[in-house]
Amino acid sequence: MAPGSHNYGAGAQAAHIQTALSEPETFYACPMEVVDDPVLAPDEKRAVLKNWAWNEYLIDLATAEGMPENARPTRLDEVELALLALEGSTQRFQTRLSPVRSRIAA
């Protein structure tokens, strides 16, 4: 799915988040799509990516234990890069807000 292709009304947002949390690898084509998802808040994106990282870890573990049905390339590096990108974009957003907060407090 292309980034931004998940356009839902407010009523469907909870279902969107639940699906993204439970099956991120089937809901998104790549981890960076989570970062670009306009429906999810930063904390929700973080939760989806952490869940995806855990799923990848479990698959890697199963592969290491010789389970052939899980023999596929790992995407853990992609998920970690998406988490770093999310943290970077969140910090830039908070930095942009900081001067506004200080002017309001003054």
Foldseek 3Di string as FASTA:
>chain_A
DDQPPPDDDPVCLVVVLVCLLVCVVVVDVFLLSLLRHPSDDLVSSLNSLVSLLVVLVVLVVVVVVPPVVSPDDGRNVRSVVSNVVSVVVVVVVVVVCVVVVVVVVD
